[in-house]
C-alpha atoms as a PDB file:
ATOM      1  CA  MET A   1     -34.168 -22.545  33.750  1.00  0.00           C
ATOM      2  CA  LYS A   2     -32.816 -19.256  32.492  1.00  0.00           C
ATOM      3  CA  ALA A   3     -29.245 -20.540  32.498  1.00  0.00           C
ATOM      4  CA  ARG A   4     -30.370 -23.731  30.798  1.00  0.00           C
ATOM      5  CA  THR A   5     -32.275 -21.713  28.193  1.00  0.00           C
ATOM      6  CA  VAL A   6     -29.266 -19.476  27.489  1.00  0.00           C
ATOM      7  CA  LEU A   7     -26.985 -22.495  27.215  1.00  0.00           C
ATOM      8  CA  GLY A   8     -29.390 -24.213  24.865  1.00  0.00           C
ATOM      9  CA  ALA A   9     -29.642 -21.116  22.688  1.00  0.00           C
ATOM     10  CA  ALA A  10     -25.850 -20.795  22.596  1.00  0.00           C
ATOM     11  CA  LEU A  11     -25.421 -24.429  21.637  1.00  0.00           C
ATOM     12  CA  GLY A  12     -28.080 -24.033  18.980  1.00  0.00           C
ATOM     13  CA  THR A  13     -26.317 -20.992  17.559  1.00  0.00           C
ATOM     14  CA  VAL A  14     -22.976 -22.795  17.461  1.00  0.00           C
ATOM     15  CA  GLY A  15     -24.572 -25.845  15.917  1.00  0.00           C
ATOM     16  CA  GLY A  16     -26.276 -23.711  13.298  1.00  0.00           C
ATOM     17  CA  ALA A  17     -22.997 -21.968  12.481  1.00  0.00           C
ATOM     18  CA  VAL A  18     -21.175 -25.285  12.084  1.00  0.00           C
ATOM     19  CA  LEU A  19     -23.920 -26.660   9.851  1.00  0.00           C
ATOM     20  CA  GLY A  20     -24.022 -23.466   7.795  1.00  0.00           C
ATOM     21  CA  ASN A  21     -20.257 -23.476   7.322  1.00  0.00           C
ATOM     22  CA  ARG A  22     -20.335 -27.089   6.136  1.00  0.00           C
ATOM     23  CA  LEU A  23     -23.154 -26.398   3.701  1.00  0.00           C
ATOM     24  CA  LEU A  24     -21.313 -23.417   2.197  1.00  0.00           C
ATOM     25  CA  LYS A  25     -18.170 -25.485   1.743  1.00  0.00           C
ATOM     26  CA  ARG A  26     -20.172 -28.241   0.073  1.00  0.00           C
ATOM     27  CA  ARG A  27     -22.038 -25.826  -2.216  1.00  0.00           C
ATOM     28  CA  ALA A  28     -18.829 -24.239  -3.513  1.00  0.00           C
ATOM     29  CA  GLY A  29     -17.628 -27.491  -5.072  1.00  0.00           C
ATOM     30  CA  ASP A  30     -14.406 -27.854  -7.034  1.00  0.00           C
ATOM     31  CA  LEU A  31     -12.952 -24.749  -8.636  1.00  0.00           C
ATOM     32  CA  GLU A  32     -12.605 -24.914 -12.405  1.00  0.00           C
ATOM     33  CA  ASN A  33      -9.783 -23.261 -14.325  1.00  0.00           C
ATOM     34  CA  PRO A  34     -11.401 -20.183 -15.929  1.00  0.00           C
ATOM     35  CA  LEU A  35      -8.576 -19.281 -18.308  1.00  0.00           C
ATOM     36  CA  VAL A  36      -7.682 -20.333 -21.826  1.00  0.00           C
ATOM     37  CA  GLY A  37      -4.416 -22.232 -22.058  1.00  0.00           C
ATOM     38  CA  ILE A  38      -2.693 -25.167 -20.412  1.00  0.00           C
ATOM     39  CA  GLU A  39      -2.847 -25.622 -16.651  1.00  0.00           C
ATOM     40  CA  ARG A  40       0.316 -26.683 -14.878  1.00  0.00           C
ATOM     41  CA  THR A  41       1.522 -27.226 -11.317  1.00  0.00           C
ATOM     42  CA  TYR A  42       4.494 -25.606  -9.629  1.00  0.00           C
ATOM     43  CA  ARG A  43       5.479 -27.205  -6.340  1.00  0.00           C
ATOM     44  CA  TRP A  44       6.990 -24.635  -4.016  1.00  0.00           C
ATOM     45  CA  ARG A  45       8.111 -25.436  -0.481  1.00  0.00           C
ATOM     46  CA  GLY A  46       5.686 -28.325  -0.363  1.00  0.00           C
ATOM     47  CA  ILE A  47       2.769 -26.239  -1.670  1.00  0.00           C
ATOM     48  CA  GLU A  48       1.216 -27.177  -4.997  1.00  0.00           C
ATOM     49  CA  THR A  49       0.401 -23.979  -6.861  1.00  0.00           C
ATOM     50  CA  GLN A  50      -1.508 -23.861 -10.118  1.00  0.00           C
ATOM     51  CA  TYR A  51      -0.830 -21.654 -13.112  1.00  0.00           C
ATOM     52  CA  THR A  52      -2.045 -21.381 -16.689  1.00  0.00           C
ATOM     53  CA  VAL A  53       0.207 -20.939 -19.717  1.00  0.00           C
ATOM     54  CA  ALA A  54      -1.077 -19.447 -22.968  1.00  0.00           C
ATOM     55  CA  GLY A  55       0.543 -18.195 -26.144  1.00  0.00           C
ATOM     56  CA  ASP A  56       3.598 -18.977 -28.253  1.00  0.00           C
ATOM     57  CA  PRO A  57       6.670 -20.083 -26.245  1.00  0.00           C
ATOM     58  CA  ASN A  58       8.816 -18.076 -28.672  1.00  0.00           C
ATOM     59  CA  ASP A  59       7.122 -14.837 -27.626  1.00  0.00           C
ATOM     60  CA  PRO A  60       8.303 -12.787 -24.623  1.00  0.00           C
ATOM     61  CA  ASP A  61       7.264 -14.187 -21.256  1.00  0.00           C
ATOM     62  CA  MET A  62       4.667 -12.287 -19.261  1.00  0.00           C
ATOM     63  CA  LEU A  63       3.779 -13.133 -15.650  1.00  0.00           C
ATOM     64  CA  LEU A  64       0.370 -12.045 -14.318  1.00  0.00           C
ATOM     65  CA  LEU A  65      -0.041 -11.641 -10.538  1.00  0.00           C
ATOM     66  CA  HIS A  66      -3.564 -11.140  -9.217  1.00  0.00           C
ATOM     67  CA  GLY A  67      -4.496  -8.911  -6.308  1.00  0.00           C
ATOM     68  CA  VAL A  68      -5.124 -10.051  -2.744  1.00  0.00           C
ATOM     69  CA  TYR A  69      -8.659 -10.189  -1.318  1.00  0.00           C
ATOM     70  CA  ALA A  70     -11.231 -12.805  -0.380  1.00  0.00           C
ATOM     71  CA  GLY A  71     -11.994 -14.803  -3.506  1.00  0.00           C
ATOM     72  CA  ALA A  72      -8.930 -13.546  -5.394  1.00  0.00           C
ATOM     73  CA  SER A  73      -7.443 -15.674  -8.162  1.00  0.00           C
ATOM     74  CA  SER A  74      -6.005 -15.504 -11.660  1.00  0.00           C
ATOM     75  CA  HIS A  75      -9.616 -15.163 -12.828  1.00  0.00           C
ATOM     76  CA  GLU A  76      -8.964 -11.433 -12.371  1.00  0.00           C
ATOM     77  CA  PHE A  77      -7.112 -11.549 -15.703  1.00  0.00           C
ATOM     78  CA  GLU A  78      -9.711 -13.591 -17.581  1.00  0.00           C
ATOM     79  CA  PRO A  79     -10.762 -10.623 -19.786  1.00  0.00           C
ATOM     80  CA  ILE A  80      -7.210 -10.121 -21.111  1.00  0.00           C
ATOM     81  CA  VAL A  81      -5.370 -13.465 -21.122  1.00  0.00           C
ATOM     82  CA  ASP A  82      -6.459 -14.529 -24.601  1.00  0.00           C
ATOM     83  CA  ARG A  83      -5.650 -11.063 -25.989  1.00  0.00           C
ATOM     84  CA  LEU A  84      -2.220 -11.014 -24.362  1.00  0.00           C
ATOM     85  CA  ALA A  85      -1.499 -14.526 -25.609  1.00  0.00           C
ATOM     86  CA  GLU A  86      -1.493 -13.169 -29.168  1.00  0.00           C
ATOM     87  CA  ASP A  87       1.793 -11.354 -28.434  1.00  0.00           C
ATOM     88  CA  TYR A  88       3.206 -12.908 -25.271  1.00  0.00           C
ATOM     89  CA  HIS A  89       3.885 -16.242 -23.641  1.00  0.00           C
ATOM     90  CA  VAL A  90       1.554 -15.663 -20.695  1.00  0.00           C
ATOM     91  CA  TYR A  91       1.815 -17.195 -17.236  1.00  0.00           C
ATOM     92  CA  ALA A  92      -1.201 -16.533 -14.994  1.00  0.00           C
ATOM     93  CA  VAL A  93      -0.563 -17.915 -11.519  1.00  0.00           C
ATOM     94  CA  ASP A  94      -2.788 -18.501  -8.509  1.00  0.00           C
ATOM     95  CA  LEU A  95      -0.749 -17.338  -5.516  1.00  0.00           C
ATOM     96  CA  PRO A  96      -0.401 -19.753  -2.575  1.00  0.00           C
ATOM     97  CA  GLY A  97      -3.560 -19.567  -0.506  1.00  0.00           C
ATOM     98  CA  PHE A  98      -5.744 -18.465  -3.425  1.00  0.00           C
ATOM     99  CA  GLY A  99      -7.582 -19.806  -6.459  1.00  0.00           C
ATOM    100  CA  ARG A 100      -6.751 -23.370  -7.451  1.00  0.00           C
ATOM    101  CA  SER A 101      -3.485 -23.415  -5.509  1.00  0.00           C
ATOM    102  CA  GLU A 102      -3.201 -25.165  -2.162  1.00  0.00           C
ATOM    103  CA  ARG A 103      -4.117 -23.173   0.933  1.00  0.00           C
ATOM    104  CA  PRO A 104      -2.210 -24.563   3.899  1.00  0.00           C
ATOM    105  CA  PRO A 105      -2.746 -23.001   7.355  1.00  0.00           C
ATOM    106  CA  LEU A 106       0.408 -20.875   7.205  1.00  0.00           C
ATOM    107  CA  VAL A 107       1.032 -17.454   8.671  1.00  0.00           C
ATOM    108  CA  TYR A 108       1.149 -15.695   5.294  1.00  0.00           C
ATOM    109  CA  SER A 109       3.405 -12.660   4.918  1.00  0.00           C
ATOM    110  CA  ALA A 110       4.623 -10.181   2.315  1.00  0.00           C
ATOM    111  CA  THR A 111       8.060 -11.811   2.409  1.00  0.00           C
ATOM    112  CA  LEU A 112       6.582 -15.233   1.705  1.00  0.00           C
ATOM    113  CA  TYR A 113       4.801 -13.936  -1.386  1.00  0.00           C
ATOM    114  CA  ALA A 114       7.833 -11.983  -2.585  1.00  0.00           C
ATOM    115  CA  GLU A 115       9.936 -15.132  -2.305  1.00  0.00           C
ATOM    116  CA  PHE A 116       7.301 -17.111  -4.173  1.00  0.00           C
ATOM    117  CA  VAL A 117       7.277 -14.549  -7.014  1.00  0.00           C
ATOM    118  CA  ARG A 118      11.078 -14.580  -7.105  1.00  0.00           C
ATOM    119  CA  ASP A 119      11.331 -18.380  -7.240  1.00  0.00           C
ATOM    120  CA  PHE A 120       8.472 -18.864  -9.704  1.00  0.00           C
ATOM    121  CA  ALA A 121       9.861 -16.257 -12.086  1.00  0.00           C
ATOM    122  CA  SER A 122      13.399 -17.658 -11.848  1.00  0.00           C
ATOM    123  CA  GLU A 123      12.476 -21.328 -12.193  1.00  0.00           C
ATOM    124  CA  VAL A 124       9.498 -21.226 -14.565  1.00  0.00           C
ATOM    125  CA  THR A 125       9.808 -18.100 -16.734  1.00  0.00           C
ATOM    126  CA  ASP A 126      12.575 -16.347 -18.641  1.00  0.00           C
ATOM    127  CA  GLU A 127      13.025 -12.670 -17.689  1.00  0.00           C
ATOM    128  CA  PRO A 128       9.298 -11.974 -17.760  1.00  0.00           C
ATOM    129  CA  ILE A 129       7.385  -8.767 -18.036  1.00  0.00           C
ATOM    130  CA  VAL A 130       5.492  -8.780 -14.745  1.00  0.00           C
ATOM    131  CA  VAL A 131       1.975  -7.371 -14.555  1.00  0.00           C
ATOM    132  CA  ALA A 132       0.936  -7.163 -10.898  1.00  0.00           C
ATOM    133  CA  SER A 133      -2.287  -5.905  -9.355  1.00  0.00           C
ATOM    134  CA  SER A 134      -2.668  -3.964  -6.093  1.00  0.00           C
ATOM    135  CA  LEU A 135      -0.765  -5.483  -3.152  1.00  0.00           C
ATOM    136  CA  SER A 136       0.947  -8.009  -5.429  1.00  0.00           C
ATOM    137  CA  GLY A 137       2.716  -5.024  -6.958  1.00  0.00           C
ATOM    138  CA  SER A 138       4.676  -4.675  -3.719  1.00  0.00           C
ATOM    139  CA  PHE A 139       5.528  -8.390  -3.777  1.00  0.00           C
ATOM    140  CA  ALA A 140       6.871  -7.985  -7.311  1.00  0.00           C
ATOM    141  CA  VAL A 141       8.905  -4.912  -6.360  1.00  0.00           C
ATOM    142  CA  GLU A 142      10.519  -6.784  -3.469  1.00  0.00           C
ATOM    143  CA  ALA A 143      11.226  -9.792  -5.695  1.00  0.00           C
ATOM    144  CA  ALA A 144      12.772  -7.580  -8.395  1.00  0.00           C
ATOM    145  CA  ASP A 145      15.843  -6.961  -6.227  1.00  0.00           C
ATOM    146  CA  GLU A 146      16.942 -10.557  -6.789  1.00  0.00           C
ATOM    147  CA  THR A 147      15.193 -11.474 -10.041  1.00  0.00           C
ATOM    148  CA  ASP A 148      15.710 -10.611 -13.702  1.00  0.00           C
ATOM    149  CA  PHE A 149      12.473  -8.962 -14.792  1.00  0.00           C
ATOM    150  CA  GLU A 150      12.250  -7.371 -18.224  1.00  0.00           C
ATOM    151  CA  ARG A 151       9.783  -4.814 -16.919  1.00  0.00           C
ATOM    152  CA  LEU A 152       7.189  -4.180 -14.223  1.00  0.00           C
ATOM    153  CA  VAL A 153       3.658  -2.990 -14.926  1.00  0.00           C
ATOM    154  CA  LEU A 154       2.036  -2.231 -11.581  1.00  0.00           C
ATOM    155  CA  ILE A 155      -1.732  -1.704 -11.439  1.00  0.00           C
ATOM    156  CA  CYS A 156      -2.714   0.509  -8.495  1.00  0.00           C
ATOM    157  CA  PRO A 157       0.140  -0.871  -6.353  1.00  0.00           C
ATOM    158  CA  THR A 158      -0.019  -0.323  -2.632  1.00  0.00           C
ATOM    159  CA  GLY A 159       2.420  -0.786   0.199  1.00  0.00           C
ATOM    160  CA  GLU A 160       0.021  -0.126   3.050  1.00  0.00           C
ATOM    161  CA  THR A 161      -3.519  -1.430   3.451  1.00  0.00           C
ATOM    162  CA  THR A 162      -4.234  -1.125   7.173  1.00  0.00           C
ATOM    163  CA  ASP A 163      -2.547  -0.998  10.570  1.00  0.00           C
ATOM    164  CA  GLU A 164      -1.304  -4.357  11.767  1.00  0.00           C
ATOM    165  CA  ARG A 165      -3.918  -6.162  13.851  1.00  0.00           C
ATOM    166  CA  PRO A 166      -2.644  -9.705  14.500  1.00  0.00           C
ATOM    167  CA  TRP A 167      -5.697 -10.436  16.640  1.00  0.00           C
ATOM    168  CA  VAL A 168      -7.866 -10.220  13.503  1.00  0.00           C
ATOM    169  CA  ARG A 169      -5.843 -13.003  11.890  1.00  0.00           C
ATOM    170  CA  THR A 170      -6.120 -15.089  15.057  1.00  0.00           C
ATOM    171  CA  LEU A 171      -9.887 -14.555  15.212  1.00  0.00           C
ATOM    172  CA  LEU A 172     -10.504 -15.429  11.558  1.00  0.00           C
ATOM    173  CA  ARG A 173      -8.438 -18.606  11.873  1.00  0.00           C
ATOM    174  CA  THR A 174     -10.561 -20.007  14.714  1.00  0.00           C
ATOM    175  CA  PRO A 175     -12.582 -23.054  13.603  1.00  0.00           C
ATOM    176  CA  ILE A 176     -16.174 -21.965  14.283  1.00  0.00           C
ATOM    177  CA  VAL A 177     -16.342 -18.238  15.002  1.00  0.00           C
ATOM    178  CA  GLY A 178     -13.584 -17.404  12.538  1.00  0.00           C
ATOM    179  CA  THR A 179     -15.098 -19.505   9.767  1.00  0.00           C
ATOM    180  CA  THR A 180     -18.519 -17.971  10.360  1.00  0.00           C
ATOM    181  CA  LEU A 181     -17.149 -14.412  10.272  1.00  0.00           C
ATOM    182  CA  TYR A 182     -15.119 -15.197   7.174  1.00  0.00           C
ATOM    183  CA  ASN A 183     -18.165 -16.627   5.412  1.00  0.00           C
ATOM    184  CA  LEU A 184     -19.983 -13.356   6.069  1.00  0.00           C
ATOM    185  CA  LEU A 185     -17.067 -11.343   4.704  1.00  0.00           C
ATOM    186  CA  ALA A 186     -16.840 -13.640   1.691  1.00  0.00           C
ATOM    187  CA  SER A 187     -20.556 -13.823   0.936  1.00  0.00           C
ATOM    188  CA  LYS A 188     -21.822 -12.989  -2.540  1.00  0.00           C
ATOM    189  CA  PRO A 189     -23.262  -9.631  -1.388  1.00  0.00           C
ATOM    190  CA  SER A 190     -19.915  -8.733   0.209  1.00  0.00           C
ATOM    191  CA  ILE A 191     -17.962  -9.732  -2.887  1.00  0.00           C
ATOM    192  CA  ARG A 192     -20.275  -7.773  -5.142  1.00  0.00           C
ATOM    193  CA  HIS A 193     -20.012  -4.791  -2.791  1.00  0.00           C
ATOM    194  CA  PHE A 194     -16.214  -4.927  -3.116  1.00  0.00           C
ATOM    195  CA  TYR A 195     -16.414  -4.954  -6.907  1.00  0.00           C
ATOM    196  CA  ASP A 196     -19.017  -2.188  -6.867  1.00  0.00           C
ATOM    197  CA  ARG A 197     -17.187   0.032  -4.390  1.00  0.00           C
ATOM    198  CA  ASP A 198     -13.523  -0.545  -5.296  1.00  0.00           C
ATOM    199  CA  GLY A 199     -13.248  -2.752  -8.365  1.00  0.00           C
ATOM    200  CA  TYR A 200     -15.409  -1.176 -11.075  1.00  0.00           C
ATOM    201  CA  TYR A 201     -16.418   2.344 -12.019  1.00  0.00           C
ATOM    202  CA  ASP A 202     -19.574   1.101 -13.767  1.00  0.00           C
ATOM    203  CA  ALA A 203     -21.513  -1.436 -11.695  1.00  0.00           C
ATOM    204  CA  ASP A 204     -23.233  -2.695 -14.856  1.00  0.00           C
ATOM    205  CA  ARG A 205     -19.899  -4.148 -15.967  1.00  0.00           C
ATOM    206  CA  ILE A 206     -19.778  -6.498 -12.981  1.00  0.00           C
ATOM    207  CA  ASP A 207     -20.462  -9.922 -14.428  1.00  0.00           C
ATOM    208  CA  SER A 208     -22.475 -12.334 -12.299  1.00  0.00           C
ATOM    209  CA  ASP A 209     -20.124 -15.132 -13.379  1.00  0.00           C
ATOM    210  CA  GLU A 210     -17.219 -13.134 -11.942  1.00  0.00           C
ATOM    211  CA  VAL A 211     -18.967 -12.807  -8.598  1.00  0.00           C
ATOM    212  CA  GLN A 212     -19.873 -16.500  -8.649  1.00  0.00           C
ATOM    213  CA  TYR A 213     -16.299 -17.574  -9.379  1.00  0.00           C
ATOM    214  CA  ALA A 214     -14.902 -15.325  -6.652  1.00  0.00           C
ATOM    215  CA  TRP A 215     -17.422 -16.775  -4.204  1.00  0.00           C
ATOM    216  CA  GLU A 216     -16.485 -20.339  -5.140  1.00  0.00           C
ATOM    217  CA  SER A 217     -12.800 -19.464  -4.835  1.00  0.00           C
ATOM    218  CA  ALA A 218     -13.446 -17.932  -1.419  1.00  0.00           C
ATOM    219  CA  HIS A 219     -15.012 -21.159  -0.133  1.00  0.00           C
ATOM    220  CA  GLN A 220     -12.401 -23.735  -1.042  1.00  0.00           C
ATOM    221  CA  PRO A 221     -10.723 -25.700   1.803  1.00  0.00           C
ATOM    222  CA  GLY A 222      -8.374 -23.457   3.758  1.00  0.00           C
ATOM    223  CA  SER A 223      -9.596 -20.361   1.945  1.00  0.00           C
ATOM    224  CA  ARG A 224      -9.678 -18.097   5.013  1.00  0.00           C
ATOM    225  CA  TYR A 225      -6.005 -18.377   6.022  1.00  0.00           C
ATOM    226  CA  ALA A 226      -4.387 -16.014   3.505  1.00  0.00           C
ATOM    227  CA  PRO A 227      -7.222 -13.417   3.627  1.00  0.00           C
ATOM    228  CA  ALA A 228      -6.954 -13.520   7.434  1.00  0.00           C
ATOM    229  CA  SER A 229      -3.365 -12.295   7.143  1.00  0.00           C
ATOM    230  CA  PHE A 230      -4.480  -9.656   4.649  1.00  0.00           C
ATOM    231  CA  ALA A 231      -7.254  -8.414   6.953  1.00  0.00           C
ATOM    232  CA  ALA A 232      -4.737  -8.241   9.801  1.00  0.00           C
ATOM    233  CA  GLY A 233      -2.431  -6.012   7.747  1.00  0.00           C
ATOM    234  CA  THR A 234       0.420  -8.522   7.938  1.00  0.00           C
ATOM    235  CA  LEU A 235       0.743  -8.836   4.151  1.00  0.00           C
ATOM    236  CA  ASP A 236       1.916  -5.225   3.887  1.00  0.00           C
ATOM    237  CA  PRO A 237       5.640  -4.988   3.047  1.00  0.00           C
ATOM    238  CA  ASP A 238       8.048  -3.617   5.630  1.00  0.00           C
ATOM    239  CA  PHE A 239       9.458  -0.973   3.268  1.00  0.00           C
ATOM    240  CA  ASP A 240       8.360   2.331   1.816  1.00  0.00           C
ATOM    241  CA  LEU A 241       7.065   1.632  -1.676  1.00  0.00           C
ATOM    242  CA  ALA A 242       8.127   4.982  -3.149  1.00  0.00           C
ATOM    243  CA  THR A 243      11.682   4.586  -1.820  1.00  0.00           C
ATOM    244  CA  GLU A 244      11.932   1.025  -3.106  1.00  0.00           C
ATOM    245  CA  LEU A 245      10.620   1.985  -6.545  1.00  0.00           C
ATOM    246  CA  ALA A 246      13.084   4.867  -6.791  1.00  0.00           C
ATOM    247  CA  ALA A 247      15.982   2.501  -6.105  1.00  0.00           C
ATOM    248  CA  LEU A 248      14.750  -0.160  -8.521  1.00  0.00           C
ATOM    249  CA  GLU A 249      16.713  -0.710 -11.724  1.00  0.00           C
ATOM    250  CA  THR A 250      13.905  -2.596 -13.460  1.00  0.00           C
ATOM    251  CA  PRO A 251      11.943  -0.336 -15.872  1.00  0.00           C
ATOM    252  CA  THR A 252       8.567   0.213 -14.252  1.00  0.00           C
ATOM    253  CA  THR A 253       5.255   1.708 -15.322  1.00  0.00           C
ATOM    254  CA  LEU A 254       2.287   2.503 -13.090  1.00  0.00           C
ATOM    255  CA  VAL A 255      -1.294   2.032 -14.312  1.00  0.00           C
ATOM    256  CA  TRP A 256      -4.174   3.651 -12.443  1.00  0.00           C
ATOM    257  CA  GLY A 257      -7.925   3.942 -12.697  1.00  0.00           C
ATOM    258  CA  ARG A 258      -8.735   7.642 -12.612  1.00  0.00           C
ATOM    259  CA  ASP A 259     -11.588   7.167 -10.140  1.00  0.00           C
ATOM    260  CA  ALA A 260      -9.879   4.691  -7.806  1.00  0.00           C
ATOM    261  CA  GLU A 261     -10.692   5.386  -4.154  1.00  0.00           C
ATOM    262  CA  LEU A 262      -9.168   2.471  -2.244  1.00  0.00           C
ATOM    263  CA  VAL A 263      -5.767   3.442  -3.676  1.00  0.00           C
ATOM    264  CA  PRO A 264      -6.524   6.899  -5.103  1.00  0.00           C
ATOM    265  CA  LEU A 265      -4.903   8.433  -8.161  1.00  0.00           C
ATOM    266  CA  ARG A 266      -3.065  10.973  -6.007  1.00  0.00           C
ATOM    267  CA  ASP A 267      -1.091   8.027  -4.559  1.00  0.00           C
ATOM    268  CA  GLY A 268      -0.143   7.037  -8.091  1.00  0.00           C
ATOM    269  CA  ARG A 269       0.955  10.565  -8.921  1.00  0.00           C
ATOM    270  CA  ASN A 270       3.014  10.749  -5.732  1.00  0.00           C
ATOM    271  CA  LEU A 271       4.696   7.413  -6.499  1.00  0.00           C
ATOM    272  CA  ALA A 272       5.393   8.415 -10.086  1.00  0.00           C
ATOM    273  CA  ALA A 273       6.897  11.734  -9.018  1.00  0.00           C
ATOM    274  CA  ALA A 274       8.989  10.247  -6.206  1.00  0.00           C
ATOM    275  CA  ALA A 275      10.418   7.432  -8.333  1.00  0.00           C
ATOM    276  CA  ASP A 276      10.379   9.255 -11.703  1.00  0.00           C
ATOM    277  CA  LEU A 277       8.099   6.670 -13.317  1.00  0.00           C
ATOM    278  CA  ASP A 278       5.601   6.775 -16.160  1.00  0.00           C
ATOM    279  CA  LEU A 279       1.982   6.839 -15.028  1.00  0.00           C
ATOM    280  CA  VAL A 280      -0.793   5.619 -17.327  1.00  0.00           C
ATOM    281  CA  VAL A 281      -4.291   6.709 -16.280  1.00  0.00           C
ATOM    282  CA  ILE A 282      -7.363   4.883 -17.581  1.00  0.00           C
ATOM    283  CA  ASP A 283     -10.586   6.869 -17.507  1.00  0.00           C
ATOM    284  CA  TYR A 284     -13.849   5.588 -16.038  1.00  0.00           C
ATOM    285  CA  ALA A 285     -12.004   2.948 -14.019  1.00  0.00           C
ATOM    286  CA  THR A 286     -11.133   2.304 -10.393  1.00  0.00           C
ATOM    287  CA  GLN A 287      -9.064  -0.535  -8.889  1.00  0.00           C
ATOM    288  CA  LEU A 288      -9.366  -3.049 -11.751  1.00  0.00           C
ATOM    289  CA  PRO A 289      -8.874  -1.052 -14.982  1.00  0.00           C
ATOM    290  CA  HIS A 290      -7.511  -4.136 -16.756  1.00  0.00           C
ATOM    291  CA  ALA A 291     -10.731  -6.044 -16.050  1.00  0.00           C
ATOM    292  CA  GLU A 292     -13.149  -3.186 -16.704  1.00  0.00           C
ATOM    293  CA  HIS A 293     -11.408  -1.868 -19.831  1.00  0.00           C
ATOM    294  CA  PRO A 294      -9.435  -4.813 -21.240  1.00  0.00           C
ATOM    295  CA  ASP A 295      -9.146  -3.371 -24.760  1.00  0.00           C
ATOM    296  CA  GLU A 296      -7.584  -0.109 -23.564  1.00  0.00           C
ATOM    297  CA  PHE A 297      -5.252  -1.934 -21.194  1.00  0.00           C
ATOM    298  CA  VAL A 298      -3.996  -4.400 -23.804  1.00  0.00           C
ATOM    299  CA  GLU A 299      -3.666  -1.614 -26.362  1.00  0.00           C
ATOM    300  CA  TYR A 300      -1.302   0.162 -23.990  1.00  0.00           C
ATOM    301  CA  LEU A 301       0.782  -2.967 -23.463  1.00  0.00           C
ATOM    302  CA  ARG A 302       1.087  -3.638 -27.167  1.00  0.00           C
ATOM    303  CA  ALA A 303       2.073  -0.058 -27.929  1.00  0.00           C
ATOM    304  CA  GLU A 304       4.513   0.591 -25.110  1.00  0.00           C
ATOM    305  CA  LEU A 305       6.162  -2.564 -23.815  1.00  0.00           C
ATOM    306  CA  PRO A 306       9.536  -3.700 -25.139  1.00  0.00           C
ATOM    307  CA  ARG A 307       9.805  -6.965 -27.089  1.00  0.00           C
ATOM    308  CA  ALA A 308       6.053  -7.010 -27.650  1.00  0.00           C
ATOM    309  CA  ASP A 309       6.575  -8.073 -31.258  1.00  0.00           C
ATOM    310  CA  ALA A 310       7.996 -11.582 -31.520  1.00  0.00           C
ATOM    311  CA  GLY A 311       9.750 -10.499 -34.709  1.00  0.00           C
ATOM    312  CA  ASP A 312      11.871  -7.870 -32.912  1.00  0.00           C
END
């Protein structure tokens, strides 16, 4: 009886997890494009990726690359896209495995994303200014070796997130247990905790619509595959970021939130010193200064970036 009871409880737990996972997937629904502009599709290696274009085609191209985390998407740049479109021809892309782009069950890697950035920039844009957030900054740096970028603006870039743990990726990719664990990691409380702890200095600035969109993005079909690679540390580049930046010929500026803890300001200062780069520090901000203080961020871009005026 005891064995039968344990077995029944186990089956009930599994059944409940399967049902819960299906309900979450159904509740998320289709993901709407949150940005102003025209949505287009870029087919890359059989993957349909979505991006939004805004602004005058005669203005300088600017490519926006969102960070990497559960629920990540180009929605990260929603507070600044319309402002940037006044001076630039803006391309805001959803990386493969995120947002409205397809999310096939690949083994995602830093090299894959660097190659995507390289190909997208070469085939879709014209020598863009690249604004990249967090880990995507490393993808852009790697792509810059083979791509004509006008300039790089890297927001709290990082080259190392955690030690490699391939077993974490394997676990999160399993159909029942992995999906259940991922749904816990990508729950609304977890997403809000991320924004509160690492994204925003002032928790009152966290918009409920932002949390809702991230949650919906995190529960699209195939949504756990890319974050599984991130959690396993296998999206970290295999180079030293400071060394790579020092060797880079593309003009590069670092932007940091003064109170960032996940990638602290001292890391930014060390990178700037090692590679002899300009470092812009935004007060009362952490990991997402461009989202928390869009006016200050755009003001910097307009004042400092080359070719910002279409009349130049």
